[in-house]
Protein backbone atom coordinates (compact mmCIF):
# COMPACT_ATOMS: atom_id res chain seq x y z
CA UNK A 1 196.57 84.93 61.71
CA UNK A 2 196.73 85.09 58.26
CA UNK A 3 199.54 85.23 56.13
CA UNK A 4 200.82 88.03 54.67
CA UNK A 5 202.72 86.99 51.88
CA UNK A 6 201.31 85.95 48.35
CA UNK A 7 201.60 82.47 48.08
CA UNK A 8 202.27 80.69 44.63
CA UNK A 9 201.14 77.16 44.44
CA UNK A 10 203.26 75.07 42.44
CA UNK A 11 203.51 71.31 43.23
CA UNK A 12 203.51 68.06 40.96
CA UNK A 13 200.83 65.46 42.36
CA UNK A 14 198.33 63.22 41.45
CA UNK A 15 195.16 65.08 42.15
CA UNK A 16 194.19 68.68 40.83
CA UNK A 17 195.93 71.42 42.93
CA UNK A 18 192.92 72.98 44.95
CA UNK A 19 194.07 76.71 44.70
CA UNK A 20 192.23 78.86 47.51
CA UNK A 21 191.06 82.31 46.53
CA UNK A 22 193.30 85.14 46.83
CA UNK A 23 196.08 83.11 45.71
CA UNK A 24 197.86 83.36 42.24
CA UNK A 25 198.63 80.31 40.38
CA UNK A 26 202.14 80.74 38.23
CA UNK A 27 203.95 78.31 35.81
CA UNK A 28 206.72 76.04 37.58
CA UNK A 29 209.26 77.55 35.71
CA UNK A 30 208.37 80.92 36.88
CA UNK A 31 208.97 80.44 40.13
CA UNK A 32 212.55 81.03 41.84
CA UNK A 33 214.27 78.60 44.12
CA UNK A 34 214.03 81.00 47.06
CA UNK A 35 211.35 79.62 49.41
CA UNK A 36 211.10 80.34 53.30
CA UNK A 37 208.48 78.86 56.01
CA UNK A 38 207.52 81.05 58.54
CA UNK A 39 205.24 80.74 61.50
CA UNK A 40 203.04 83.09 63.27
CA UNK A 41 204.65 83.77 66.62
CA UNK A 42 203.16 86.32 69.01
CA UNK A 43 205.29 88.95 67.94
CA UNK A 44 204.85 88.51 64.13
CA UNK A 45 205.81 86.17 61.26
CA UNK A 46 209.17 84.11 62.10
CA UNK A 47 211.22 82.11 60.01
CA UNK A 48 212.26 78.82 60.91
CA UNK A 49 215.74 77.59 61.37
CA UNK A 50 217.68 76.30 58.42
CA UNK A 51 217.63 72.56 59.04
CA UNK A 52 213.72 73.08 59.66
CA UNK A 53 213.42 74.69 56.36
CA UNK A 54 214.96 71.98 54.62
CA UNK A 55 212.90 69.32 56.52
CA UNK A 56 209.77 71.44 55.61
CA UNK A 57 210.33 71.71 51.93
CA UNK A 58 211.31 68.13 51.68
CA UNK A 59 208.05 67.37 53.33
CA UNK A 60 206.35 69.64 50.82
CA UNK A 61 207.94 68.33 47.76
CA UNK A 62 207.39 64.67 48.74
CA UNK A 63 203.65 65.30 49.08
CA UNK A 64 203.90 64.60 52.93
CA UNK A 65 200.58 66.13 54.90
CA UNK A 66 202.82 66.24 58.25
CA UNK A 67 206.14 65.32 59.68
CA UNK A 68 208.35 66.34 62.86
CA UNK A 69 210.93 69.01 62.77
CA UNK A 70 213.88 68.61 65.59
CA UNK A 71 216.47 71.20 66.97
CA UNK A 72 214.80 74.26 65.94
CA UNK A 73 215.79 76.94 68.42
CA UNK A 74 212.44 78.34 68.52
CA UNK A 75 211.10 75.39 70.25
CA UNK A 76 213.66 74.62 72.37
CA UNK A 77 215.32 71.99 70.22
CA UNK A 78 212.98 69.73 70.89
CA UNK A 79 210.50 67.73 68.54
CA UNK A 80 207.55 70.02 67.01
CA UNK A 81 204.68 68.31 64.94
CA UNK A 82 204.23 70.28 61.41
CA UNK A 83 201.01 69.62 59.81
CA UNK A 84 201.23 71.17 56.38
CA UNK A 85 197.68 70.07 55.34
CA UNK A 86 196.04 71.70 58.11
CA UNK A 87 198.91 74.90 57.89
CA UNK A 88 200.04 74.69 61.64
CA UNK A 89 203.41 73.65 63.75
CA UNK A 90 202.29 72.22 67.15
CA UNK A 91 204.61 72.17 70.42
CA UNK A 92 203.93 71.63 74.02
CA UNK A 93 200.11 71.27 72.55
CA UNK A 94 200.09 75.04 71.38
CA UNK A 95 199.59 75.15 67.57
CA UNK A 96 200.95 78.48 65.37
CA UNK A 97 199.81 79.00 62.05
CA UNK A 98 202.63 77.98 59.45
CA UNK A 99 203.11 80.03 55.82
CA UNK A 100 205.53 79.05 52.86
CA UNK A 101 206.61 82.01 50.98
CA UNK A 102 208.20 81.89 47.89
CA UNK A 103 210.36 84.99 46.48
């Protein structure tokens, strides 16, 4: 499932940021501080719980490619693996695409 939101990429890192086609880059100063992480549930794009939002944004800001979220109500309050490099969350051996949205 393709992310229906416009993604704006702005992340300090050592290597140049590779921006996929169809994604617009904007100066960091032009971005707002409203970020929402969503995943592709069979019923549509669903935002992660607030605690998971904070963990995901922390992983993103610190350049981590993957990590764990725990306590999200969508995953039975259990641990779920999040792979930011490949863009998915995995729980019980099922993977769902994820998307970082900026408003």
